[in-house]
Amino acid sequence: MSASRMQLLSPRSLLLLSRGRIEMGAQRPGSGPGVRSLTSPPLYPSSPGRALSSLSATRRGLPQEKMSENGVVSRPKVLTIDTMNPTVKKVEYAVRGPIVQRAVELERELSEGMKKPFAEVIKANIGDAHAMGQQPITFFRQVLALCSYPELLNDSTFPEDAKNRARRILQSCGGNSMGSYSASQGINSVREDVARYIERRDGGVPCDPDDIYLTTGASDGIVTMLKLLVCGEGSSCTGVMISIPQYPLYSAALAELGAVQINYYLNEENCWSLDINELQRSLDEAREYCNPRALCIINPGNPTGQVQSRECIEDVIRFAAKERLFLLADEVYQDNVYADGCQFHSFKKVLFEMGPEYANTVELVSFHSTSKCYMGECGFRGGYMEIINMDDEVKAQLSKLVSVRLCSPVPGQALMDLVVNPPQPGEPSYDNFIKERTATLSALEEKAKLTEQVLNTVHGISCNPVQGAMYSFPRITIPEKAIKEAEDIGQQPDMFYCMKMLEETGICLVPGSGFGQKEGTYHFRMTILPPKDKLEILLNKVKEFHQKFTLQYS
C-alpha cells in the first residue's frame, strides 16, 4: 500500500490493518477509500442470519456496552439474579442458612481478638459427627489408608485383616488404584457386599446386587430418584409427600425440580408419630391441585428423632399400595436407636414379610449412608440405594442418568464396603472394632437421654424423647412481645430466638421454621453430637438463655 493511501486511513483502520483484520478493496459507504473490514459483513448480506449480525446490539435487544472513565469497556453480566434459573432461587437449606453464616463470622471475629460474651462458638446445627469430636473407627481408616497408599501393605504395623480387605478392594479397582473411575452403578464387589449385608440385616430376605446403586451419600440417591419421578405441569405436576418437620434436602430438591411439595404433619403430642389419617387428609387435599406420586419416610426421624413401629410401617405400605404411591425410605440412621422398646425395622423387610400382594407390587427405594450411625464419615460421601419393583425400562433410564456423573467417589464406595462388611469374629481387628462401635453408640444413647432430661427442666421448653437419630427438636414458648419484634424486622420468631442465642451465648442451633412446623408452634433443632462435657455446657447455656429471653420479653 502506498504511503499516500496509508495517510487516508483512520487511526482505528490502521490498528485493524496492523492486526490483519482489513484488506484493501472497493470503497464502501462510511469507510476510508479502498478499505474493507474483514470483520464486517458484506454490504448486501446474502442471508437473514447474516443480516441480523450486522445490526447493533441495541437494535437486537441486547444490553449496550458502556465505556468507563478509564477507557475500559463495561459489559453487563450474562447471568444475573433476573436471568438465572428461577427454581434455584426457591431453594432453601436451613441447616447451612443465615444463622450458620453468622456463626462463621463470629468465629472469625473471635480469632481476630474481638470481645464477645463467650469464648467459642459451639455449632450444634448439623449432624457432622467428626467435626463435633467423634473419633473415626480405626479399622475403617486403616483400610482406607492402605488403599490410598498401597506401599503401606508392606508395613507390619497394620493388621493382616485390614491388609486383606485393602487388597480385595484394590483388585476391584481399575489399575488396582482407588484413583480410577468405577462402573457408574458402583464397584461390583462392593455392591455384592451391600446385598449380602441387606440379606443378613433383613433375616434372609433376598437382595440382588443389580438392584444396588452406590451413591454420593444418601442425598445423591434421593435427588436422583426425585428426578425420575418429577414430570407434568399445572394440575398434572408431580407431587411428593414429605413429613413436617422434614429434612430440608427434600424441600430444596423439590423446589429445584419444580415439583409440588405435599406436607403431612407428624404428631408431636405422640412422640412425633406418623398417623395414617393425616396421610389421607394430606393426599386428598393435594389431588385437587397436583398429581401425588411419591411418599417419603425418614426412619429414624430427622429432625424429630422418632423410631417407627413395625405396625406403623405396615400401615404406610398398605397406604402406598392402595393409593399407588412410590415409596422412598430414608434409613440412614438405622443403627441410631436408643429408647427402650424401640427397634429399627427396614421397609424392605416388612414389605416382603407382608406377602406377595405387597412384596411383588409396591415400588420402593431405600437409602443408607456412611455419614451417620456410628461411622460419622460425612466427608467421604459414601452411600447406596436399593430399588425394589422398579419398571425395567425405568431402571435402564436410571442407569443412564447415574452414568452421566461417571461414578460416586471411589473412596466413599470403599468405605461403604467396610461398613457393610466389618471385621468378623476371630479376625485381628474384631475386638477393637466392637469396642469402638459400642462406645460410640453408647455415648450417643447417653447424650440423647441427657438432652431430653435437661431441656424438660426448663419452663417454656418441651422435648420429646430422642428415640433415635442424632437430634432433638424441642418446642419452645416465645413471648408475644418477642414475636412482634421479630415480625417488625421480617424474621420468623424462632429465627429471631436462635439468632439472639447465637449472639449472646455462641450456641448455633437451627430454627424449627427451617424444617417446617405447625402454624403457631416454634422449635429448634440441635444435635446430640458434642462430647458429653461440652453438651452439658451447651444445654446449660440454652437453659439460661431461655430463662433470660423469656424474662426480657414478658
Protein backbone atom coordinates (compact mmCIF):
# COMPACT_ATOMS: atom_id res chain seq x y z
CA MET A 1 0.00 0.00 0.00
CA SER A 2 1.38 3.44 -0.91
CA ALA A 3 2.20 5.99 1.77
CA SER A 4 -0.40 8.38 0.29
CA ARG A 5 -3.18 5.80 0.72
CA MET A 6 -1.97 4.97 4.23
CA GLN A 7 -2.43 8.61 5.19
CA LEU A 8 -6.13 8.43 4.26
CA LEU A 9 -6.85 5.67 6.81
CA SER A 10 -8.32 6.46 10.20
CA PRO A 11 -6.35 5.52 13.35
CA ARG A 12 -8.82 2.62 14.00
CA SER A 13 -8.36 1.34 10.43
CA LEU A 14 -4.59 1.47 10.86
CA LEU A 15 -4.93 -0.57 14.07
CA LEU A 16 -7.10 -3.17 12.31
CA LEU A 17 -4.71 -3.27 9.38
CA SER A 18 -1.78 -3.94 11.72
CA ARG A 19 -3.73 -6.90 13.15
CA GLY A 20 -4.52 -8.28 9.71
CA ARG A 21 -8.25 -7.64 10.05
CA ILE A 22 -8.80 -5.32 6.99
CA GLU A 23 -7.84 -5.55 3.36
CA MET A 24 -7.74 -3.12 0.51
CA GLY A 25 -10.66 -3.29 -1.89
CA ALA A 26 -13.57 -1.36 -3.30
CA GLN A 27 -14.67 1.66 -1.30
CA ARG A 28 -17.76 1.24 0.88
CA PRO A 29 -20.01 3.95 2.21
CA GLY A 30 -18.74 5.11 5.56
CA SER A 31 -15.26 3.63 5.18
CA GLY A 32 -11.95 5.01 4.08
CA PRO A 33 -11.04 4.87 0.36
CA GLY A 34 -10.47 1.33 -0.80
CA VAL A 35 -10.73 -0.17 2.72
CA ARG A 36 -12.97 -3.13 3.70
CA SER A 37 -13.07 -4.62 7.20
CA LEU A 38 -12.62 -8.38 7.29
CA THR A 39 -14.71 -8.50 10.46
CA SER A 40 -17.69 -6.68 8.92
CA PRO A 41 -20.46 -8.39 6.96
CA PRO A 42 -20.84 -7.69 3.22
CA LEU A 43 -22.66 -4.55 2.17
CA TYR A 44 -25.57 -6.70 0.93
CA PRO A 45 -25.88 -9.77 3.20
CA SER A 46 -26.97 -12.95 1.48
CA SER A 47 -28.98 -14.41 4.37
CA PRO A 48 -31.28 -13.19 7.21
CA GLY A 49 -28.86 -14.57 9.84
CA ARG A 50 -26.00 -12.54 8.42
CA ALA A 51 -28.25 -9.52 8.17
CA LEU A 52 -29.11 -9.88 11.85
CA SER A 53 -25.44 -9.98 12.81
CA SER A 54 -24.95 -6.61 11.17
CA LEU A 55 -27.46 -4.95 13.45
CA SER A 56 -26.27 -3.12 16.52
CA ALA A 57 -26.61 -4.75 19.94
CA THR A 58 -29.26 -2.17 20.87
CA ARG A 59 -31.40 -2.96 17.81
CA ARG A 60 -31.15 -6.69 18.64
CA GLY A 61 -32.41 -6.07 22.18
CA LEU A 62 -29.09 -6.85 23.87
CA PRO A 63 -27.66 -4.75 26.73
CA GLN A 64 -25.37 -2.00 25.50
CA GLU A 65 -21.72 -2.00 26.38
CA LYS A 66 -20.57 1.09 28.26
CA MET A 67 -17.22 2.82 28.29
CA SER A 68 -15.89 3.56 31.75
CA GLU A 69 -13.84 6.65 32.62
CA ASN A 70 -10.55 4.77 32.28
CA GLY A 71 -11.46 3.60 28.77
CA VAL A 72 -12.32 0.01 29.72
CA VAL A 73 -15.47 -1.44 28.16
CA SER A 74 -18.01 -2.38 30.83
CA ARG A 75 -20.24 -5.23 29.75
CA PRO A 76 -23.41 -6.26 31.59
CA LYS A 77 -23.41 -9.77 33.09
CA VAL A 78 -24.96 -12.56 31.04
CA LEU A 79 -26.08 -14.30 34.24
CA THR A 80 -27.88 -12.06 36.72
CA ILE A 81 -30.39 -12.62 39.51
CA ASP A 82 -33.11 -11.79 36.99
CA THR A 83 -31.85 -14.12 34.24
CA MET A 84 -30.81 -17.13 36.34
CA ASN A 85 -32.84 -20.32 36.76
CA PRO A 86 -35.89 -19.22 38.80
CA THR A 87 -36.27 -22.58 40.57
CA VAL A 88 -32.81 -22.23 42.13
CA LYS A 89 -33.93 -19.03 43.85
CA LYS A 90 -36.68 -21.01 45.56
CA VAL A 91 -34.18 -23.42 47.14
CA GLU A 92 -33.61 -23.04 50.88
CA TYR A 93 -31.41 -25.16 53.15
CA ALA A 94 -31.77 -24.07 56.76
CA VAL A 95 -29.05 -26.36 58.11
CA ARG A 96 -26.45 -24.14 56.42
CA GLY A 97 -28.54 -20.97 56.30
CA PRO A 98 -28.08 -17.39 57.57
CA ILE A 99 -27.61 -18.35 61.21
CA VAL A 100 -24.72 -20.65 60.32
CA GLN A 101 -23.17 -17.96 58.15
CA ARG A 102 -23.30 -15.61 61.14
CA ALA A 103 -21.70 -18.31 63.33
CA VAL A 104 -18.77 -18.45 60.91
CA GLU A 105 -18.43 -14.66 61.08
CA LEU A 106 -18.41 -14.82 64.89
CA GLU A 107 -15.66 -17.44 64.82
CA ARG A 108 -13.56 -15.16 62.63
CA GLU A 109 -14.22 -12.18 64.89
CA LEU A 110 -13.14 -14.20 67.94
CA SER A 111 -9.94 -15.27 66.16
CA GLU A 112 -9.21 -11.60 65.43
CA GLY A 113 -9.45 -10.76 69.13
CA MET A 114 -12.89 -9.14 69.21
CA LYS A 115 -14.57 -9.32 72.60
CA LYS A 116 -17.69 -11.47 72.85
CA PRO A 117 -19.78 -12.68 75.80
CA PHE A 118 -18.49 -16.21 75.04
CA ALA A 119 -15.13 -17.83 74.37
CA GLU A 120 -16.14 -20.11 71.48
CA VAL A 121 -18.90 -20.85 69.03
CA ILE A 122 -20.48 -24.27 69.56
CA LYS A 123 -22.10 -25.50 66.35
CA ALA A 124 -24.95 -27.84 67.18
CA ASN A 125 -26.69 -27.20 63.87
CA ILE A 126 -25.60 -30.14 61.73
CA GLY A 127 -25.04 -33.88 62.05
CA ASP A 128 -21.30 -33.71 61.33
CA ALA A 129 -20.04 -36.23 63.89
CA HIS A 130 -16.29 -35.91 63.44
CA ALA A 131 -16.44 -32.12 63.45
CA MET A 132 -18.11 -32.46 66.85
CA GLY A 133 -15.29 -34.64 68.21
CA GLN A 134 -16.48 -38.18 67.47
CA GLN A 135 -13.49 -40.41 66.69
CA PRO A 136 -13.32 -42.48 63.49
CA ILE A 137 -13.34 -46.27 63.57
CA THR A 138 -9.71 -47.42 63.47
CA PHE A 139 -10.23 -50.35 61.09
CA PHE A 140 -12.01 -48.18 58.53
CA ARG A 141 -9.23 -45.63 58.46
CA GLN A 142 -6.52 -48.30 58.33
CA VAL A 143 -8.02 -49.94 55.26
CA LEU A 144 -8.61 -46.58 53.54
CA ALA A 145 -5.00 -45.58 54.26
CA LEU A 146 -3.77 -48.85 52.75
CA CYS A 147 -5.98 -48.35 49.68
CA SER A 148 -4.79 -44.76 49.27
CA TYR A 149 -1.09 -45.64 49.62
CA PRO A 150 -0.55 -49.34 48.82
CA GLU A 151 3.11 -49.15 49.82
CA LEU A 152 1.79 -49.41 53.39
CA LEU A 153 0.82 -53.01 52.68
CA ASN A 154 4.46 -53.78 53.48
CA ASP A 155 4.19 -52.08 56.89
CA SER A 156 3.99 -54.61 59.73
CA THR A 157 2.09 -52.22 61.99
CA PHE A 158 -1.14 -52.78 60.04
CA PRO A 159 -3.20 -55.87 60.97
CA GLU A 160 -3.49 -58.62 58.38
CA ASP A 161 -7.28 -58.43 58.09
CA ALA A 162 -7.02 -54.73 57.19
CA LYS A 163 -4.40 -55.58 54.54
CA ASN A 164 -6.51 -58.39 53.10
CA ARG A 165 -9.54 -56.11 52.88
CA ALA A 166 -7.48 -53.40 51.17
CA ARG A 167 -6.08 -55.89 48.63
CA ARG A 168 -9.61 -57.09 47.80
CA ILE A 169 -10.85 -53.53 47.26
CA LEU A 170 -7.83 -52.58 45.14
CA GLN A 171 -8.19 -55.69 42.99
CA SER A 172 -11.73 -54.48 42.18
CA CYS A 173 -10.45 -51.07 41.05
CA GLY A 174 -9.18 -50.27 37.57
CA GLY A 175 -5.38 -50.46 37.55
CA ASN A 176 -5.53 -51.56 41.20
CA SER A 177 -5.91 -47.91 42.11
CA MET A 178 -8.61 -46.17 44.11
CA GLY A 179 -7.96 -43.15 41.91
CA SER A 180 -9.61 -44.78 38.89
CA TYR A 181 -13.25 -44.48 37.85
CA SER A 182 -15.55 -47.33 38.78
CA ALA A 183 -18.59 -48.63 36.95
CA SER A 184 -21.33 -45.99 37.13
CA GLN A 185 -23.51 -48.19 39.33
CA GLY A 186 -20.57 -48.80 41.65
CA ILE A 187 -17.79 -51.36 42.14
CA ASN A 188 -19.27 -54.82 41.56
CA SER A 189 -17.70 -56.46 44.63
CA VAL A 190 -18.95 -53.62 46.87
CA ARG A 191 -22.50 -53.96 45.53
CA GLU A 192 -22.29 -57.69 46.22
CA ASP A 193 -21.20 -57.00 49.80
CA VAL A 194 -24.04 -54.49 50.24
CA ALA A 195 -26.52 -57.10 49.02
CA ARG A 196 -25.22 -59.72 51.49
CA TYR A 197 -25.40 -57.14 54.30
CA ILE A 198 -29.04 -56.37 53.49
CA GLU A 199 -29.86 -60.09 53.49
CA ARG A 200 -28.29 -60.50 56.95
CA ARG A 201 -30.00 -57.39 58.29
CA ASP A 202 -33.40 -58.44 56.97
CA GLY A 203 -33.30 -62.05 58.15
CA GLY A 204 -32.62 -63.68 54.81
CA VAL A 205 -34.87 -61.62 52.51
CA PRO A 206 -33.14 -61.94 49.11
CA CYS A 207 -31.22 -58.98 47.65
CA ASP A 208 -29.92 -58.76 44.09
CA PRO A 209 -26.64 -56.80 43.68
CA ASP A 210 -28.04 -55.49 40.39
CA ASP A 211 -30.65 -53.58 42.45
CA ILE A 212 -27.90 -51.76 44.38
CA TYR A 213 -26.61 -48.35 43.25
CA LEU A 214 -23.66 -46.82 45.10
CA THR A 215 -24.24 -43.10 45.59
CA THR A 216 -22.51 -39.93 46.73
CA GLY A 217 -24.03 -40.07 50.20
CA ALA A 218 -27.73 -40.81 50.56
CA SER A 219 -28.61 -37.29 49.37
CA ASP A 220 -27.39 -38.01 45.85
CA GLY A 221 -29.59 -41.09 45.61
CA ILE A 222 -32.64 -39.23 46.91
CA VAL A 223 -32.25 -36.39 44.39
CA THR A 224 -31.66 -38.87 41.57
CA MET A 225 -34.89 -40.71 42.36
CA LEU A 226 -36.84 -37.46 42.57
CA LYS A 227 -35.54 -36.53 39.12
CA LEU A 228 -37.03 -39.75 37.75
CA LEU A 229 -40.37 -39.13 39.45
CA VAL A 230 -41.00 -35.48 38.57
CA CYS A 231 -42.98 -34.68 35.43
CA GLY A 232 -46.04 -32.76 34.24
CA GLU A 233 -47.27 -29.20 34.65
CA GLY A 234 -50.14 -27.49 36.42
CA SER A 235 -52.60 -29.92 37.99
CA SER A 236 -50.69 -32.85 36.46
CA CYS A 237 -47.38 -31.81 38.03
CA THR A 238 -45.82 -34.44 40.29
CA GLY A 239 -46.49 -34.03 43.99
CA VAL A 240 -44.24 -35.63 46.62
CA MET A 241 -45.43 -36.19 50.19
CA ILE A 242 -42.88 -35.26 52.87
CA SER A 243 -43.16 -35.22 56.64
CA ILE A 244 -43.32 -31.96 58.55
CA PRO A 245 -40.96 -31.36 60.27
CA GLN A 246 -38.70 -32.55 57.45
CA TYR A 247 -35.06 -32.68 56.47
CA PRO A 248 -34.60 -29.61 54.19
CA LEU A 249 -32.93 -31.66 51.45
CA TYR A 250 -36.40 -32.76 50.37
CA SER A 251 -38.00 -29.33 50.13
CA ALA A 252 -34.87 -27.92 48.45
CA ALA A 253 -34.74 -30.69 45.84
CA LEU A 254 -38.45 -30.43 45.08
CA ALA A 255 -38.16 -26.66 44.65
CA GLU A 256 -35.21 -27.02 42.27
CA LEU A 257 -37.01 -29.68 40.23
CA GLY A 258 -40.23 -27.66 40.05
CA ALA A 259 -42.27 -30.36 41.82
CA VAL A 260 -45.09 -29.85 44.31
CA GLN A 261 -44.29 -30.34 47.99
CA ILE A 262 -47.15 -32.07 49.84
CA ASN A 263 -46.90 -31.69 53.60
CA TYR A 264 -48.12 -34.26 56.10
CA TYR A 265 -47.67 -33.46 59.77
CA LEU A 266 -46.14 -35.75 62.37
CA ASN A 267 -47.95 -35.95 65.72
CA GLU A 268 -45.83 -34.08 68.25
CA GLU A 269 -48.18 -34.99 71.10
CA ASN A 270 -47.45 -38.68 70.44
CA CYS A 271 -43.64 -38.61 70.13
CA TRP A 272 -43.74 -37.36 66.54
CA SER A 273 -45.57 -40.46 65.35
CA LEU A 274 -46.97 -40.89 61.85
CA ASP A 275 -50.77 -41.01 61.57
CA ILE A 276 -52.38 -42.69 58.54
CA ASN A 277 -55.42 -40.41 58.82
CA GLU A 278 -53.10 -37.43 58.44
CA LEU A 279 -51.54 -39.03 55.35
CA GLN A 280 -55.01 -39.47 53.86
CA ARG A 281 -56.01 -35.88 54.61
CA SER A 282 -52.84 -34.55 53.02
CA LEU A 283 -53.18 -36.75 49.94
CA ASP A 284 -56.86 -35.95 49.34
CA GLU A 285 -56.25 -32.21 49.52
CA ALA A 286 -53.21 -32.42 47.24
CA ARG A 287 -55.13 -34.21 44.50
CA GLU A 288 -57.09 -31.01 44.00
CA TYR A 289 -54.04 -29.23 42.58
CA CYS A 290 -51.33 -31.78 41.62
CA ASN A 291 -50.61 -35.43 40.86
CA PRO A 292 -49.25 -37.10 44.04
CA ARG A 293 -46.85 -39.87 43.03
CA ALA A 294 -44.43 -40.47 45.90
CA LEU A 295 -44.29 -40.71 49.69
CA CYS A 296 -41.05 -40.01 51.60
CA ILE A 297 -40.41 -41.53 55.03
CA ILE A 298 -37.42 -40.78 57.29
CA ASN A 299 -36.89 -43.54 59.87
CA PRO A 300 -35.39 -42.95 62.41
CA GLY A 301 -36.55 -39.38 62.05
CA ASN A 302 -34.65 -36.22 61.23
CA PRO A 303 -35.09 -33.70 62.85
CA THR A 304 -37.56 -35.31 65.24
CA GLY A 305 -35.73 -38.44 66.42
CA GLN A 306 -38.71 -40.82 66.42
CA VAL A 307 -38.42 -44.53 65.55
CA GLN A 308 -41.37 -46.02 63.71
CA SER A 309 -43.01 -49.18 64.97
CA ARG A 310 -43.46 -52.19 62.72
CA GLU A 311 -47.23 -51.66 62.84
CA CYS A 312 -46.80 -48.11 61.55
CA ILE A 313 -44.57 -49.28 58.70
CA GLU A 314 -47.14 -51.89 57.69
CA ASP A 315 -49.83 -49.19 57.66
CA VAL A 316 -47.68 -46.98 55.45
CA ILE A 317 -47.04 -49.81 52.98
CA ARG A 318 -50.77 -50.60 52.77
CA PHE A 319 -51.49 -46.91 52.23
CA ALA A 320 -48.90 -46.66 49.45
CA ALA A 321 -50.29 -49.76 47.77
CA LYS A 322 -53.89 -48.53 47.97
CA GLU A 323 -53.07 -45.05 46.69
CA ARG A 324 -50.45 -46.18 44.13
CA LEU A 325 -47.58 -44.17 45.61
CA PHE A 326 -43.87 -44.76 45.09
CA LEU A 327 -42.15 -45.18 48.50
CA LEU A 328 -38.81 -43.54 49.36
CA ALA A 329 -37.41 -44.83 52.68
CA ASP A 330 -34.59 -42.71 54.12
CA GLU A 331 -32.93 -45.12 56.59
CA VAL A 332 -29.54 -43.51 57.15
CA TYR A 333 -29.90 -43.60 60.97
CA GLN A 334 -30.72 -47.30 61.17
CA ASP A 335 -28.05 -48.03 63.81
CA ASN A 336 -29.01 -44.98 65.89
CA VAL A 337 -31.81 -46.37 68.11
CA TYR A 338 -31.65 -45.57 71.83
CA ALA A 339 -35.06 -45.73 73.51
CA ASP A 340 -36.25 -48.81 75.37
CA GLY A 341 -38.84 -50.74 73.39
CA CYS A 342 -37.78 -49.20 70.07
CA GLN A 343 -36.28 -51.19 67.23
CA PHE A 344 -35.31 -50.42 63.66
CA HIS A 345 -37.37 -52.24 61.02
CA SER A 346 -36.36 -51.77 57.40
CA PHE A 347 -39.18 -51.02 54.98
CA LYS A 348 -37.92 -53.76 52.68
CA LYS A 349 -38.03 -56.44 55.36
CA VAL A 350 -41.55 -55.50 56.43
CA LEU A 351 -42.67 -55.26 52.79
CA PHE A 352 -41.53 -58.80 51.98
CA GLU A 353 -42.92 -60.26 55.19
CA MET A 354 -46.36 -58.84 54.29
CA GLY A 355 -46.58 -61.35 51.42
CA PRO A 356 -46.67 -61.31 47.62
CA GLU A 357 -49.66 -58.95 47.45
CA TYR A 358 -47.31 -56.16 48.56
CA ALA A 359 -43.81 -57.61 48.03
CA ASN A 360 -44.38 -58.01 44.29
CA THR A 361 -46.15 -54.72 43.61
CA VAL A 362 -45.15 -51.83 45.90
CA GLU A 363 -42.35 -49.75 44.37
CA LEU A 364 -39.73 -48.90 46.98
CA VAL A 365 -36.29 -47.33 47.13
CA SER A 366 -34.35 -47.32 50.41
CA PHE A 367 -31.24 -45.29 51.21
CA HIS A 368 -28.26 -45.68 53.52
CA SER A 369 -25.07 -43.70 54.10
CA THR A 370 -21.61 -43.77 55.68
CA SER A 371 -22.25 -40.33 57.20
CA LYS A 372 -24.39 -41.28 60.19
CA CYS A 373 -24.82 -44.21 62.63
CA TYR A 374 -21.56 -44.98 64.47
CA MET A 375 -19.39 -44.14 61.45
CA GLY A 376 -19.97 -40.41 61.06
CA GLU A 377 -17.77 -40.32 57.96
CA CYS A 378 -19.60 -37.42 56.30
CA GLY A 379 -16.73 -36.19 54.15
CA PHE A 380 -16.20 -39.44 52.26
CA ARG A 381 -19.68 -39.14 50.71
CA GLY A 382 -20.43 -42.86 50.63
CA GLY A 383 -23.89 -44.35 50.33
CA TYR A 384 -26.19 -46.70 48.49
CA MET A 385 -29.77 -47.12 47.39
CA GLU A 386 -31.68 -50.35 46.76
CA ILE A 387 -34.52 -50.35 44.25
CA ILE A 388 -37.48 -52.74 44.58
CA ASN A 389 -40.13 -53.48 41.92
CA MET A 390 -38.89 -50.81 39.53
CA ASP A 391 -40.07 -50.98 35.91
CA ASP A 392 -37.29 -52.43 33.74
CA GLU A 393 -37.40 -49.58 31.24
CA VAL A 394 -37.22 -47.02 34.05
CA LYS A 395 -34.30 -48.92 35.57
CA ALA A 396 -32.47 -48.57 32.25
CA GLN A 397 -33.11 -44.82 32.37
CA LEU A 398 -31.82 -44.71 35.96
CA SER A 399 -28.61 -46.43 34.88
CA LYS A 400 -28.25 -43.88 32.09
CA LEU A 401 -28.82 -41.00 34.50
CA VAL A 402 -26.18 -42.12 37.00
CA SER A 403 -23.69 -42.71 34.17
CA VAL A 404 -23.79 -39.01 33.31
CA ARG A 405 -21.89 -38.34 36.55
CA LEU A 406 -19.48 -41.21 35.79
CA CYS A 407 -19.43 -42.71 39.32
CA SER A 408 -19.68 -41.88 43.01
CA PRO A 409 -16.35 -41.21 44.82
CA VAL A 410 -14.40 -44.47 44.93
CA PRO A 411 -13.03 -43.85 48.47
CA GLY A 412 -16.66 -43.48 49.58
CA GLN A 413 -17.50 -46.77 47.87
CA ALA A 414 -14.59 -48.44 49.65
CA LEU A 415 -15.78 -47.10 52.98
CA MET A 416 -19.32 -48.32 52.29
CA ASP A 417 -17.84 -51.77 51.70
CA LEU A 418 -16.22 -51.70 55.14
CA VAL A 419 -19.46 -50.59 56.80
CA VAL A 420 -21.42 -53.49 55.36
CA ASN A 421 -18.54 -55.96 55.75
CA PRO A 422 -16.74 -55.07 59.01
CA PRO A 423 -14.23 -57.27 60.88
CA GLN A 424 -15.62 -60.69 61.74
CA PRO A 425 -15.17 -62.78 64.93
CA GLY A 426 -11.72 -64.32 65.01
CA GLU A 427 -10.10 -61.64 62.87
CA PRO A 428 -7.35 -59.46 64.45
CA SER A 429 -9.36 -56.21 64.32
CA TYR A 430 -12.70 -57.59 65.52
CA ASP A 431 -12.43 -56.91 69.26
CA ASN A 432 -11.27 -53.32 68.84
CA PHE A 433 -13.93 -52.69 66.19
CA ILE A 434 -16.71 -53.89 68.50
CA LYS A 435 -15.27 -51.86 71.38
CA GLU A 436 -15.18 -48.62 69.35
CA ARG A 437 -18.59 -49.17 67.75
CA THR A 438 -20.24 -49.93 71.09
CA ALA A 439 -18.59 -46.96 72.81
CA THR A 440 -19.79 -44.55 70.12
CA LEU A 441 -23.39 -45.77 70.14
CA SER A 442 -23.49 -45.94 73.97
CA ALA A 443 -22.25 -42.36 74.22
CA LEU A 444 -24.94 -41.20 71.77
CA GLU A 445 -27.61 -43.00 73.77
CA GLU A 446 -26.41 -41.35 76.99
CA LYS A 447 -26.41 -37.91 75.35
CA ALA A 448 -29.88 -38.47 73.88
CA LYS A 449 -31.30 -39.08 77.33
CA LEU A 450 -29.32 -36.22 78.87
CA THR A 451 -30.65 -33.78 76.27
CA GLU A 452 -34.26 -34.75 76.90
CA GLN A 453 -33.85 -34.58 80.68
CA VAL A 454 -32.17 -31.16 80.84
CA LEU A 455 -34.42 -29.44 78.30
CA ASN A 456 -37.55 -30.67 80.06
CA THR A 457 -36.45 -28.94 83.28
CA VAL A 458 -36.80 -25.54 81.57
CA HIS A 459 -40.13 -23.77 81.84
CA GLY A 460 -41.27 -23.00 78.30
CA ILE A 461 -39.33 -25.83 76.62
CA SER A 462 -40.84 -29.24 75.93
CA CYS A 463 -38.71 -32.05 74.44
CA ASN A 464 -39.98 -35.44 73.27
CA PRO A 465 -37.77 -38.48 73.93
CA VAL A 466 -34.91 -38.74 71.45
CA GLN A 467 -35.67 -42.31 70.41
CA GLY A 468 -33.10 -42.39 67.63
CA ALA A 469 -31.01 -40.46 65.06
CA MET A 470 -28.81 -37.56 66.27
CA TYR A 471 -31.10 -34.65 67.09
CA SER A 472 -33.65 -33.22 69.46
CA PHE A 473 -36.42 -30.97 68.22
CA PRO A 474 -37.86 -29.28 71.32
CA ARG A 475 -40.87 -26.99 71.29
CA ILE A 476 -40.28 -23.53 72.72
CA THR A 477 -42.66 -20.89 74.01
CA ILE A 478 -41.87 -17.43 72.64
CA PRO A 479 -43.50 -14.40 74.33
CA GLU A 480 -45.82 -12.25 72.23
CA LYS A 481 -43.54 -9.25 72.62
CA ALA A 482 -40.66 -11.18 71.03
CA ILE A 483 -42.92 -12.44 68.24
CA LYS A 484 -43.91 -8.87 67.39
CA GLU A 485 -40.30 -7.65 67.43
CA ALA A 486 -39.32 -10.49 65.10
CA GLU A 487 -42.15 -9.66 62.70
CA ASP A 488 -41.18 -6.00 62.73
CA ILE A 489 -37.71 -6.87 61.39
CA GLY A 490 -39.01 -9.50 58.96
CA GLN A 491 -37.81 -12.59 60.80
CA GLN A 492 -39.55 -15.77 61.84
CA PRO A 493 -39.91 -15.76 65.65
CA ASP A 494 -37.79 -18.88 66.12
CA MET A 495 -35.09 -17.47 63.83
CA PHE A 496 -35.12 -14.31 65.96
CA TYR A 497 -34.80 -16.51 69.08
CA CYS A 498 -31.94 -18.61 67.70
CA MET A 499 -30.06 -15.59 66.36
CA LYS A 500 -30.30 -13.91 69.76
CA MET A 501 -28.99 -17.08 71.38
CA LEU A 502 -26.06 -17.20 68.98
CA GLU A 503 -25.09 -13.57 69.59
CA GLU A 504 -25.33 -13.89 73.37
CA THR A 505 -24.06 -17.42 74.02
CA GLY A 506 -22.18 -18.61 70.94
CA ILE A 507 -24.59 -21.56 70.59
CA CYS A 508 -25.56 -22.26 66.97
CA LEU A 509 -28.93 -24.03 66.59
CA VAL A 510 -31.32 -24.25 63.64
CA PRO A 511 -34.80 -22.68 63.98
CA GLY A 512 -37.72 -25.03 63.54
CA SER A 513 -39.14 -22.88 60.73
CA GLY A 514 -36.32 -24.21 58.55
CA PHE A 515 -37.77 -27.71 58.85
CA GLY A 516 -41.45 -26.87 58.83
CA GLN A 517 -43.80 -26.90 61.82
CA LYS A 518 -47.46 -26.44 62.61
CA GLU A 519 -48.56 -22.83 62.48
CA GLY A 520 -48.32 -21.13 65.85
CA THR A 521 -45.66 -23.51 67.19
CA TYR A 522 -41.93 -22.85 67.47
CA HIS A 523 -38.98 -25.21 67.77
CA PHE A 524 -35.25 -25.52 67.28
CA ARG A 525 -33.11 -28.46 66.19
CA MET A 526 -29.89 -29.29 67.98
CA THR A 527 -27.55 -32.23 67.56
CA ILE A 528 -26.59 -34.52 70.43
CA LEU A 529 -23.12 -34.99 68.91
CA PRO A 530 -20.84 -32.76 71.04
CA PRO A 531 -18.78 -34.58 73.70
CA LYS A 532 -20.72 -35.03 76.92
CA ASP A 533 -18.86 -32.32 78.84
CA LYS A 534 -19.40 -29.80 76.05
CA LEU A 535 -23.01 -30.92 75.60
CA GLU A 536 -23.66 -30.23 79.29
CA ILE A 537 -22.26 -26.72 78.87
CA LEU A 538 -24.39 -26.23 75.76
CA LEU A 539 -27.59 -27.40 77.47
CA ASN A 540 -26.98 -25.19 80.49
CA LYS A 541 -26.39 -22.19 78.25
CA VAL A 542 -29.63 -22.92 76.39
CA LYS A 543 -31.44 -23.15 79.72
CA GLU A 544 -30.00 -19.86 80.99
CA PHE A 545 -30.67 -18.08 77.71
CA HIS A 546 -34.29 -19.21 77.52
CA GLN A 547 -34.97 -18.02 81.05
CA LYS A 548 -33.34 -14.67 80.35
CA PHE A 549 -35.09 -14.30 76.97
CA THR A 550 -38.49 -15.09 78.48
CA LEU A 551 -37.96 -12.56 81.28
CA GLN A 552 -36.77 -9.88 78.84
CA TYR A 553 -39.85 -10.16 76.59
CA SER A 554 -42.54 -10.88 79.17
